[in-house]
N, C-alpha and C. Protein backbone atom coordinates (compact mmCIF):
# COMPACT_ATOMS: atom_id res chain seq x y z
N UNK A 1 -140.39 -54.67 66.96
CA UNK A 1 -138.98 -54.62 66.58
C UNK A 1 -138.15 -55.56 67.46
N UNK A 2 -138.08 -55.29 68.78
CA UNK A 2 -137.32 -56.16 69.67
C UNK A 2 -138.25 -57.29 70.10
N UNK A 3 -138.24 -58.36 69.33
CA UNK A 3 -139.26 -59.38 69.51
C UNK A 3 -138.80 -60.61 70.27
N UNK A 4 -137.60 -60.64 70.79
CA UNK A 4 -137.18 -61.81 71.53
C UNK A 4 -136.75 -61.43 72.94
N UNK A 5 -136.89 -62.38 73.84
CA UNK A 5 -136.48 -62.18 75.22
C UNK A 5 -134.97 -61.94 75.28
N UNK A 6 -134.22 -62.71 74.50
CA UNK A 6 -132.77 -62.57 74.46
C UNK A 6 -132.37 -61.16 74.02
N UNK A 7 -133.00 -60.66 72.99
CA UNK A 7 -132.69 -59.31 72.49
C UNK A 7 -132.99 -58.28 73.57
N UNK A 8 -134.13 -58.39 74.20
CA UNK A 8 -134.47 -57.44 75.27
C UNK A 8 -133.45 -57.51 76.40
N UNK A 9 -133.02 -58.73 76.73
CA UNK A 9 -132.05 -58.89 77.81
C UNK A 9 -130.72 -58.21 77.47
N UNK A 10 -130.24 -58.40 76.26
CA UNK A 10 -128.97 -57.78 75.84
C UNK A 10 -129.10 -56.26 75.82
N UNK A 11 -130.21 -55.75 75.33
CA UNK A 11 -130.42 -54.30 75.29
C UNK A 11 -130.47 -53.73 76.72
N UNK A 12 -131.16 -54.43 77.61
CA UNK A 12 -131.24 -53.97 79.00
C UNK A 12 -129.88 -54.03 79.69
N UNK A 13 -129.14 -55.11 79.46
CA UNK A 13 -127.82 -55.24 80.07
C UNK A 13 -126.85 -54.16 79.57
N UNK A 14 -126.93 -53.84 78.29
CA UNK A 14 -125.98 -52.89 77.70
C UNK A 14 -126.38 -51.43 77.92
N UNK A 15 -127.66 -51.18 78.16
CA UNK A 15 -128.18 -49.82 78.33
C UNK A 15 -127.91 -48.93 77.11
N UNK A 16 -128.00 -49.53 75.91
CA UNK A 16 -127.70 -48.78 74.69
C UNK A 16 -128.96 -48.49 73.88
N UNK A 17 -129.03 -47.30 73.30
CA UNK A 17 -130.20 -46.91 72.49
C UNK A 17 -130.10 -47.46 71.06
N UNK A 18 -130.11 -48.77 70.93
CA UNK A 18 -129.87 -49.41 69.63
C UNK A 18 -130.89 -49.01 68.58
N UNK A 19 -132.09 -48.66 68.98
CA UNK A 19 -133.12 -48.29 68.00
C UNK A 19 -132.79 -46.97 67.30
N UNK A 20 -131.86 -46.21 67.83
CA UNK A 20 -131.46 -44.94 67.18
C UNK A 20 -130.51 -45.16 66.00
N UNK A 21 -129.97 -46.35 65.86
CA UNK A 21 -128.98 -46.63 64.82
C UNK A 21 -129.61 -46.53 63.43
N UNK A 22 -129.02 -45.72 62.56
CA UNK A 22 -129.50 -45.63 61.18
C UNK A 22 -128.47 -46.16 60.19
N UNK A 23 -127.57 -47.01 60.70
CA UNK A 23 -126.62 -47.74 59.86
C UNK A 23 -125.70 -46.85 59.03
N UNK A 24 -125.16 -45.82 59.65
CA UNK A 24 -124.21 -44.94 58.95
C UNK A 24 -122.85 -45.62 58.77
N UNK A 25 -122.58 -46.63 59.59
CA UNK A 25 -121.37 -47.45 59.56
C UNK A 25 -120.12 -46.75 60.08
N UNK A 26 -120.27 -45.59 60.69
CA UNK A 26 -119.10 -44.89 61.22
C UNK A 26 -118.40 -45.71 62.30
N UNK A 27 -119.17 -46.47 63.06
CA UNK A 27 -118.57 -47.30 64.12
C UNK A 27 -117.66 -48.36 63.51
N UNK A 28 -118.12 -48.99 62.46
CA UNK A 28 -117.35 -50.05 61.81
C UNK A 28 -116.13 -49.49 61.08
N UNK A 29 -116.29 -48.33 60.48
CA UNK A 29 -115.17 -47.73 59.74
C UNK A 29 -114.03 -47.32 60.66
N UNK A 30 -114.33 -47.03 61.92
CA UNK A 30 -113.29 -46.63 62.85
C UNK A 30 -112.77 -47.75 63.72
N UNK A 31 -113.43 -48.89 63.71
CA UNK A 31 -113.07 -49.99 64.61
C UNK A 31 -111.69 -50.57 64.27
N UNK A 32 -110.77 -50.57 65.24
CA UNK A 32 -109.42 -51.07 64.96
C UNK A 32 -109.32 -52.58 64.78
N UNK A 33 -110.35 -53.32 65.18
CA UNK A 33 -110.30 -54.78 65.04
C UNK A 33 -111.41 -55.32 64.13
N UNK A 34 -112.01 -54.44 63.35
CA UNK A 34 -113.14 -54.83 62.49
C UNK A 34 -112.79 -55.96 61.53
N UNK A 35 -111.57 -55.96 61.02
CA UNK A 35 -111.21 -56.99 60.03
C UNK A 35 -111.16 -58.39 60.64
N UNK A 36 -111.11 -58.48 61.95
CA UNK A 36 -111.09 -59.78 62.63
C UNK A 36 -112.49 -60.27 63.01
N UNK A 37 -113.48 -59.39 62.93
CA UNK A 37 -114.83 -59.72 63.38
C UNK A 37 -115.65 -60.40 62.29
N UNK A 38 -116.52 -61.30 62.72
CA UNK A 38 -117.45 -61.90 61.77
C UNK A 38 -118.68 -61.01 61.58
N UNK A 39 -119.02 -60.19 62.56
CA UNK A 39 -120.05 -59.17 62.43
C UNK A 39 -119.43 -57.83 62.82
N UNK A 40 -119.42 -56.90 61.90
CA UNK A 40 -118.89 -55.57 62.18
C UNK A 40 -119.78 -54.87 63.21
N UNK A 41 -119.28 -53.83 63.86
CA UNK A 41 -120.08 -53.15 64.89
C UNK A 41 -121.48 -52.74 64.41
N UNK A 42 -121.58 -52.14 63.23
CA UNK A 42 -122.91 -51.72 62.77
C UNK A 42 -123.80 -52.92 62.48
N UNK A 43 -123.20 -54.03 62.06
CA UNK A 43 -123.97 -55.24 61.80
C UNK A 43 -124.47 -55.86 63.11
N UNK A 44 -123.67 -55.76 64.16
CA UNK A 44 -124.08 -56.28 65.47
C UNK A 44 -125.32 -55.53 65.95
N UNK A 45 -125.30 -54.21 65.81
CA UNK A 45 -126.46 -53.41 66.22
C UNK A 45 -127.67 -53.75 65.35
N UNK A 46 -127.43 -53.94 64.07
CA UNK A 46 -128.51 -54.29 63.15
C UNK A 46 -129.15 -55.64 63.53
N UNK A 47 -128.32 -56.61 63.90
CA UNK A 47 -128.85 -57.91 64.34
C UNK A 47 -129.77 -57.74 65.55
N UNK A 48 -129.36 -56.91 66.46
CA UNK A 48 -130.19 -56.66 67.65
C UNK A 48 -131.50 -55.99 67.25
N UNK A 49 -131.42 -54.99 66.39
CA UNK A 49 -132.63 -54.29 65.96
C UNK A 49 -133.58 -55.19 65.19
N UNK A 50 -133.05 -56.20 64.53
CA UNK A 50 -133.90 -57.14 63.79
C UNK A 50 -134.34 -58.32 64.66
N UNK A 51 -133.94 -58.32 65.93
CA UNK A 51 -134.31 -59.42 66.82
C UNK A 51 -133.56 -60.70 66.52
N UNK A 52 -132.40 -60.61 65.89
CA UNK A 52 -131.59 -61.78 65.54
C UNK A 52 -130.35 -61.88 66.43
N UNK A 53 -130.54 -61.57 67.68
CA UNK A 53 -129.43 -61.52 68.63
C UNK A 53 -128.73 -62.86 68.78
N UNK A 54 -129.44 -63.96 68.56
CA UNK A 54 -128.80 -65.28 68.70
C UNK A 54 -127.63 -65.44 67.74
N UNK A 55 -127.66 -64.76 66.60
CA UNK A 55 -126.52 -64.81 65.67
C UNK A 55 -125.30 -64.14 66.31
N UNK A 56 -125.55 -63.05 67.01
CA UNK A 56 -124.46 -62.34 67.68
C UNK A 56 -123.92 -63.17 68.84
N UNK A 57 -124.81 -63.84 69.55
CA UNK A 57 -124.41 -64.68 70.67
C UNK A 57 -123.46 -65.78 70.20
N UNK A 58 -123.71 -66.36 69.04
CA UNK A 58 -122.88 -67.44 68.52
C UNK A 58 -121.66 -66.99 67.75
N UNK A 59 -121.44 -65.69 67.66
CA UNK A 59 -120.32 -65.18 66.86
C UNK A 59 -119.08 -64.94 67.71
N UNK A 60 -118.00 -64.56 67.03
CA UNK A 60 -116.77 -64.23 67.76
C UNK A 60 -116.59 -62.73 67.94
N UNK A 61 -117.48 -61.92 67.38
CA UNK A 61 -117.33 -60.46 67.41
C UNK A 61 -117.18 -59.91 68.83
N UNK A 62 -118.00 -60.41 69.76
CA UNK A 62 -117.95 -59.89 71.12
C UNK A 62 -116.63 -60.20 71.81
N UNK A 63 -116.01 -61.29 71.40
CA UNK A 63 -114.75 -61.69 72.03
C UNK A 63 -113.56 -61.00 71.38
N UNK A 64 -113.75 -60.46 70.20
CA UNK A 64 -112.70 -59.73 69.50
C UNK A 64 -112.69 -58.26 69.90
N UNK A 65 -113.87 -57.71 70.21
CA UNK A 65 -113.99 -56.30 70.59
C UNK A 65 -113.05 -55.97 71.75
N UNK A 66 -112.28 -54.89 71.61
CA UNK A 66 -111.33 -54.50 72.65
C UNK A 66 -111.87 -53.38 73.54
N UNK A 67 -113.13 -53.02 73.35
CA UNK A 67 -113.79 -51.98 74.16
C UNK A 67 -113.00 -50.68 74.18
N UNK A 68 -112.51 -50.27 73.02
CA UNK A 68 -111.70 -49.06 72.92
C UNK A 68 -112.55 -47.79 72.91
N UNK A 69 -113.85 -47.94 72.70
CA UNK A 69 -114.82 -46.83 72.69
C UNK A 69 -114.74 -45.97 71.43
N UNK A 70 -114.03 -46.43 70.41
CA UNK A 70 -114.00 -45.68 69.15
C UNK A 70 -115.40 -45.60 68.56
N UNK A 71 -116.15 -46.68 68.67
CA UNK A 71 -117.50 -46.72 68.10
C UNK A 71 -118.39 -45.63 68.69
N UNK A 72 -118.35 -45.48 70.00
CA UNK A 72 -119.22 -44.49 70.65
C UNK A 72 -118.76 -43.06 70.33
N UNK A 73 -117.46 -42.89 70.13
CA UNK A 73 -116.94 -41.56 69.76
C UNK A 73 -117.37 -41.17 68.35
N UNK A 74 -117.49 -42.15 67.47
CA UNK A 74 -117.84 -41.88 66.07
C UNK A 74 -119.35 -41.86 65.83
N UNK A 75 -120.10 -42.51 66.70
CA UNK A 75 -121.55 -42.67 66.48
C UNK A 75 -122.29 -41.36 66.72
N UNK A 76 -123.07 -40.90 65.73
CA UNK A 76 -123.84 -39.67 65.93
C UNK A 76 -124.96 -39.82 66.97
N UNK A 77 -125.27 -41.06 67.33
CA UNK A 77 -126.32 -41.31 68.32
C UNK A 77 -125.78 -41.85 69.65
N UNK A 78 -124.46 -41.86 69.78
CA UNK A 78 -123.84 -42.25 71.05
C UNK A 78 -124.00 -43.71 71.43
N UNK A 79 -124.09 -44.60 70.46
CA UNK A 79 -124.25 -46.02 70.76
C UNK A 79 -122.87 -46.63 71.01
N UNK A 80 -122.74 -47.26 72.16
CA UNK A 80 -121.49 -47.90 72.56
C UNK A 80 -121.60 -49.40 72.24
N UNK A 81 -121.07 -49.78 71.09
CA UNK A 81 -121.15 -51.18 70.67
C UNK A 81 -120.33 -52.06 71.62
N UNK A 82 -119.28 -51.52 72.20
CA UNK A 82 -118.50 -52.27 73.18
C UNK A 82 -119.35 -52.68 74.38
N UNK A 83 -120.26 -51.81 74.80
CA UNK A 83 -121.16 -52.15 75.92
C UNK A 83 -122.09 -53.30 75.51
N UNK A 84 -122.50 -53.31 74.26
CA UNK A 84 -123.33 -54.42 73.75
C UNK A 84 -122.52 -55.71 73.80
N UNK A 85 -121.28 -55.65 73.34
CA UNK A 85 -120.43 -56.84 73.36
C UNK A 85 -120.16 -57.30 74.80
N UNK A 86 -120.01 -56.36 75.72
CA UNK A 86 -119.84 -56.73 77.13
C UNK A 86 -121.08 -57.46 77.64
N UNK A 87 -122.25 -57.00 77.24
CA UNK A 87 -123.50 -57.66 77.64
C UNK A 87 -123.57 -59.07 77.07
N UNK A 88 -123.11 -59.24 75.84
CA UNK A 88 -123.09 -60.57 75.22
C UNK A 88 -122.14 -61.49 75.99
N UNK A 89 -120.96 -60.98 76.36
CA UNK A 89 -120.00 -61.79 77.12
C UNK A 89 -120.60 -62.17 78.48
N UNK A 90 -121.24 -61.21 79.11
CA UNK A 90 -121.90 -61.47 80.39
C UNK A 90 -122.94 -62.58 80.23
N UNK A 91 -123.71 -62.51 79.18
CA UNK A 91 -124.74 -63.51 78.90
C UNK A 91 -124.09 -64.90 78.71
N UNK A 92 -122.98 -64.93 77.99
CA UNK A 92 -122.27 -66.21 77.79
C UNK A 92 -121.90 -66.85 79.12
N UNK A 93 -121.28 -66.05 80.00
CA UNK A 93 -120.86 -66.59 81.29
C UNK A 93 -122.06 -66.97 82.15
N UNK A 94 -123.09 -66.14 82.12
CA UNK A 94 -124.29 -66.40 82.90
C UNK A 94 -124.96 -67.71 82.48
N UNK A 95 -125.02 -67.94 81.18
CA UNK A 95 -125.69 -69.13 80.64
C UNK A 95 -124.73 -70.31 80.45
N UNK A 96 -123.46 -70.09 80.73
CA UNK A 96 -122.44 -71.13 80.56
C UNK A 96 -122.43 -71.68 79.13
N UNK A 97 -122.45 -70.78 78.16
CA UNK A 97 -122.50 -71.15 76.75
C UNK A 97 -121.10 -71.36 76.18
N UNK A 98 -121.00 -72.14 75.10
CA UNK A 98 -119.70 -72.24 74.42
C UNK A 98 -119.30 -70.89 73.85
N UNK A 99 -118.03 -70.64 73.84
CA UNK A 99 -117.53 -69.32 73.47
C UNK A 99 -116.86 -69.36 72.12
N UNK A 100 -117.13 -68.31 71.31
CA UNK A 100 -116.62 -68.26 69.95
C UNK A 100 -115.11 -68.27 69.83
N UNK A 101 -114.41 -67.54 70.66
CA UNK A 101 -112.96 -67.48 70.63
C UNK A 101 -112.47 -67.79 72.05
N UNK A 102 -112.30 -69.06 72.34
CA UNK A 102 -112.03 -69.52 73.70
C UNK A 102 -110.80 -68.87 74.33
N UNK A 103 -109.65 -68.75 73.65
CA UNK A 103 -108.50 -68.11 74.31
C UNK A 103 -108.79 -66.66 74.73
N UNK A 104 -109.58 -65.95 73.95
CA UNK A 104 -109.92 -64.57 74.30
C UNK A 104 -110.81 -64.56 75.54
N UNK A 105 -111.77 -65.47 75.58
CA UNK A 105 -112.65 -65.57 76.75
C UNK A 105 -111.86 -65.97 77.99
N UNK A 106 -110.90 -66.87 77.82
CA UNK A 106 -110.05 -67.27 78.94
C UNK A 106 -109.24 -66.08 79.46
N UNK A 107 -108.73 -65.27 78.53
CA UNK A 107 -107.97 -64.08 78.92
C UNK A 107 -108.87 -63.10 79.68
N UNK A 108 -110.06 -62.90 79.17
CA UNK A 108 -111.06 -62.02 79.79
C UNK A 108 -111.33 -62.47 81.22
N UNK A 109 -111.53 -63.76 81.40
CA UNK A 109 -111.80 -64.31 82.73
C UNK A 109 -110.57 -64.18 83.63
N UNK A 110 -109.38 -64.39 83.10
CA UNK A 110 -108.15 -64.23 83.88
C UNK A 110 -107.98 -62.79 84.34
N UNK A 111 -108.29 -61.86 83.46
CA UNK A 111 -108.22 -60.43 83.81
C UNK A 111 -109.17 -60.13 84.96
N UNK A 112 -110.43 -60.57 84.85
CA UNK A 112 -111.41 -60.30 85.90
C UNK A 112 -111.00 -60.94 87.22
N UNK A 113 -110.42 -62.13 87.16
CA UNK A 113 -109.94 -62.80 88.39
C UNK A 113 -108.89 -61.97 89.10
N UNK A 114 -107.95 -61.41 88.34
CA UNK A 114 -106.89 -60.62 88.99
C UNK A 114 -107.44 -59.31 89.54
N UNK A 115 -108.38 -58.71 88.86
CA UNK A 115 -109.00 -57.49 89.39
C UNK A 115 -109.74 -57.80 90.69
N UNK A 116 -110.45 -58.92 90.70
CA UNK A 116 -111.16 -59.33 91.91
C UNK A 116 -110.18 -59.55 93.07
N UNK A 117 -109.08 -60.24 92.80
CA UNK A 117 -108.14 -60.59 93.86
C UNK A 117 -107.25 -59.45 94.33
N UNK A 118 -106.92 -58.52 93.44
CA UNK A 118 -105.96 -57.48 93.79
C UNK A 118 -106.51 -56.06 93.67
N UNK A 119 -107.72 -55.92 93.14
CA UNK A 119 -108.31 -54.60 93.00
C UNK A 119 -107.87 -53.87 91.75
N UNK A 120 -107.01 -54.47 91.00
CA UNK A 120 -106.50 -53.91 89.75
C UNK A 120 -105.87 -55.03 88.94
N UNK A 121 -105.51 -54.74 87.71
CA UNK A 121 -104.88 -55.76 86.87
C UNK A 121 -103.49 -56.06 87.41
N UNK A 122 -103.18 -57.33 87.51
CA UNK A 122 -101.86 -57.81 87.89
C UNK A 122 -101.38 -58.65 86.72
N UNK A 123 -100.53 -58.06 85.89
CA UNK A 123 -100.16 -58.64 84.61
C UNK A 123 -99.58 -60.04 84.72
N UNK A 124 -98.61 -60.24 85.61
CA UNK A 124 -97.98 -61.56 85.71
C UNK A 124 -99.00 -62.62 86.15
N UNK A 125 -99.82 -62.27 87.12
CA UNK A 125 -100.85 -63.21 87.57
C UNK A 125 -101.84 -63.53 86.46
N UNK A 126 -102.18 -62.52 85.70
CA UNK A 126 -103.10 -62.69 84.57
C UNK A 126 -102.48 -63.61 83.52
N UNK A 127 -101.22 -63.40 83.22
CA UNK A 127 -100.52 -64.21 82.23
C UNK A 127 -100.45 -65.66 82.69
N UNK A 128 -100.09 -65.89 83.94
CA UNK A 128 -99.98 -67.25 84.47
C UNK A 128 -101.33 -67.96 84.42
N UNK A 129 -102.39 -67.29 84.87
CA UNK A 129 -103.73 -67.88 84.82
C UNK A 129 -104.11 -68.23 83.38
N UNK A 130 -103.84 -67.29 82.47
CA UNK A 130 -104.20 -67.49 81.07
C UNK A 130 -103.42 -68.66 80.47
N UNK A 131 -102.14 -68.75 80.76
CA UNK A 131 -101.32 -69.84 80.21
C UNK A 131 -101.80 -71.20 80.73
N UNK A 132 -102.19 -71.28 82.00
CA UNK A 132 -102.69 -72.54 82.52
C UNK A 132 -104.04 -72.91 81.91
N UNK A 133 -104.86 -71.90 81.61
CA UNK A 133 -106.16 -72.19 80.98
C UNK A 133 -106.00 -72.67 79.54
N UNK A 134 -105.08 -72.04 78.81
CA UNK A 134 -104.92 -72.37 77.39
C UNK A 134 -103.92 -73.49 77.15
N UNK A 135 -103.10 -73.79 78.15
CA UNK A 135 -102.04 -74.80 78.04
C UNK A 135 -101.02 -74.43 76.97
N UNK A 136 -100.91 -73.15 76.68
CA UNK A 136 -99.98 -72.65 75.67
C UNK A 136 -98.87 -71.89 76.42
N UNK A 137 -97.92 -72.64 76.97
CA UNK A 137 -96.94 -72.07 77.87
C UNK A 137 -95.79 -71.33 77.19
N UNK A 138 -95.48 -71.68 75.95
CA UNK A 138 -94.29 -71.10 75.32
C UNK A 138 -94.56 -69.91 74.41
N UNK A 139 -95.81 -69.75 73.99
CA UNK A 139 -96.11 -68.61 73.12
C UNK A 139 -95.89 -67.30 73.88
N UNK A 140 -95.29 -66.36 73.27
CA UNK A 140 -95.08 -65.01 73.81
C UNK A 140 -93.99 -64.93 74.88
N UNK A 141 -93.18 -65.96 75.07
CA UNK A 141 -92.14 -65.93 76.10
C UNK A 141 -91.16 -64.80 75.84
N UNK A 142 -90.70 -64.66 74.61
CA UNK A 142 -89.72 -63.62 74.28
C UNK A 142 -90.30 -62.23 74.58
N UNK A 143 -91.55 -62.01 74.18
CA UNK A 143 -92.17 -60.72 74.44
C UNK A 143 -92.33 -60.49 75.95
N UNK A 144 -92.69 -61.54 76.69
CA UNK A 144 -92.84 -61.43 78.14
C UNK A 144 -91.55 -61.04 78.82
N UNK A 145 -90.45 -61.65 78.39
CA UNK A 145 -89.14 -61.33 78.97
C UNK A 145 -88.77 -59.88 78.67
N UNK A 146 -89.01 -59.47 77.44
CA UNK A 146 -88.74 -58.08 77.06
C UNK A 146 -89.55 -57.11 77.91
N UNK A 147 -90.83 -57.41 78.09
CA UNK A 147 -91.69 -56.54 78.90
C UNK A 147 -91.24 -56.51 80.35
N UNK A 148 -90.78 -57.65 80.87
CA UNK A 148 -90.29 -57.70 82.24
C UNK A 148 -89.08 -56.79 82.41
N UNK A 149 -88.11 -56.89 81.48
CA UNK A 149 -86.91 -56.07 81.60
C UNK A 149 -87.17 -54.59 81.35
N UNK A 150 -88.25 -54.26 80.70
CA UNK A 150 -88.63 -52.86 80.53
C UNK A 150 -89.47 -52.34 81.69
N UNK A 151 -89.72 -53.21 82.67
CA UNK A 151 -90.48 -52.81 83.85
C UNK A 151 -91.98 -52.81 83.65
N UNK A 152 -92.47 -53.43 82.59
CA UNK A 152 -93.90 -53.45 82.30
C UNK A 152 -94.62 -54.58 83.05
N UNK A 153 -93.87 -55.58 83.50
CA UNK A 153 -94.45 -56.69 84.24
C UNK A 153 -93.73 -56.78 85.58
N UNK A 154 -94.48 -56.66 86.66
CA UNK A 154 -93.92 -56.72 88.01
C UNK A 154 -94.11 -58.12 88.57
N UNK A 155 -93.16 -58.56 89.41
CA UNK A 155 -93.25 -59.89 90.01
C UNK A 155 -94.36 -59.96 91.06
N UNK A 156 -94.51 -58.90 91.83
CA UNK A 156 -95.50 -58.90 92.90
C UNK A 156 -96.66 -57.97 92.55
N UNK A 157 -97.86 -58.35 92.93
CA UNK A 157 -99.01 -57.48 92.65
C UNK A 157 -99.05 -56.29 93.61
N UNK A 158 -99.69 -55.24 93.18
CA UNK A 158 -99.92 -54.08 94.03
C UNK A 158 -101.39 -54.08 94.38
N UNK A 159 -101.69 -54.41 95.63
CA UNK A 159 -103.08 -54.39 96.07
C UNK A 159 -103.49 -52.96 96.35
N UNK A 160 -104.75 -52.70 96.17
CA UNK A 160 -105.26 -51.38 96.47
C UNK A 160 -105.79 -51.34 97.90
N UNK A 161 -105.91 -50.14 98.44
CA UNK A 161 -106.57 -49.98 99.73
C UNK A 161 -108.05 -50.24 99.52
N UNK A 162 -108.69 -50.71 100.53
CA UNK A 162 -110.13 -50.98 100.49
C UNK A 162 -110.50 -51.98 99.39
N UNK A 163 -109.76 -53.07 99.31
CA UNK A 163 -110.01 -54.11 98.31
C UNK A 163 -111.44 -54.64 98.45
N UNK A 164 -111.97 -54.58 99.64
CA UNK A 164 -113.33 -55.06 99.87
C UNK A 164 -114.35 -54.31 99.02
N UNK A 165 -114.08 -53.05 98.67
CA UNK A 165 -115.02 -52.30 97.81
C UNK A 165 -115.10 -52.92 96.42
N UNK A 166 -113.96 -53.36 95.89
CA UNK A 166 -113.94 -54.02 94.58
C UNK A 166 -114.66 -55.36 94.67
N UNK A 167 -114.39 -56.11 95.72
CA UNK A 167 -115.04 -57.42 95.89
C UNK A 167 -116.55 -57.26 96.04
N UNK A 168 -116.98 -56.21 96.76
CA UNK A 168 -118.41 -55.94 96.89
C UNK A 168 -119.05 -55.62 95.54
N UNK A 169 -118.32 -54.89 94.71
CA UNK A 169 -118.82 -54.57 93.38
C UNK A 169 -119.03 -55.84 92.56
N UNK A 170 -118.06 -56.74 92.61
CA UNK A 170 -118.19 -58.03 91.91
C UNK A 170 -119.40 -58.81 92.43
N UNK A 171 -119.56 -58.79 93.77
CA UNK A 171 -120.68 -59.51 94.38
C UNK A 171 -122.02 -58.93 93.93
N UNK A 172 -122.11 -57.60 93.87
CA UNK A 172 -123.34 -56.95 93.41
C UNK A 172 -123.67 -57.33 91.97
N UNK A 173 -122.65 -57.34 91.13
CA UNK A 173 -122.87 -57.69 89.73
C UNK A 173 -123.32 -59.15 89.62
N UNK A 174 -122.67 -60.03 90.34
CA UNK A 174 -123.07 -61.45 90.30
C UNK A 174 -124.46 -61.64 90.88
N UNK A 175 -124.81 -60.85 91.88
CA UNK A 175 -126.14 -60.96 92.50
C UNK A 175 -127.26 -60.45 91.60
N UNK A 176 -126.92 -59.58 90.64
CA UNK A 176 -127.95 -59.03 89.74
C UNK A 176 -128.19 -59.93 88.54
N UNK A 177 -127.47 -61.02 88.45
CA UNK A 177 -127.62 -61.92 87.28
C UNK A 177 -128.89 -62.73 87.37
């Protein structure tokens, strides 16, 4: 069944029991971003079970997934498709592959950078990093200003105590690649 090295790698990275999937489609029916995906959650699991993981690697589904965990809540076998998509994203960065939805990947990387630097998400820093990566400086300005005045975006980051623990976690993950 799992006949490719890539498929085994994604299954091991995600720690998901993909062979339990019987294609009930409950994950896809509940997915809030399914209409944006080229492979629905149940189709992503099916690709893995058929050893066709390279199709998933080249798709935009993993970059569209918001990891809301609706799939795992609906799945009678407890399969977390978001964890599979996280494994695919990890594989992309590890292999330095082209990414299906580049602005989403840039945002993902900006988010991880701020967590590494501050121990938590720092919205303004994340936005600035993302805007410099995408070179799209004017999109969302009105929404950003509104969020700032509502107190949703702070000018200064809030660092956590023991930031070194977060940095060590990042180092361990990078070391296991």
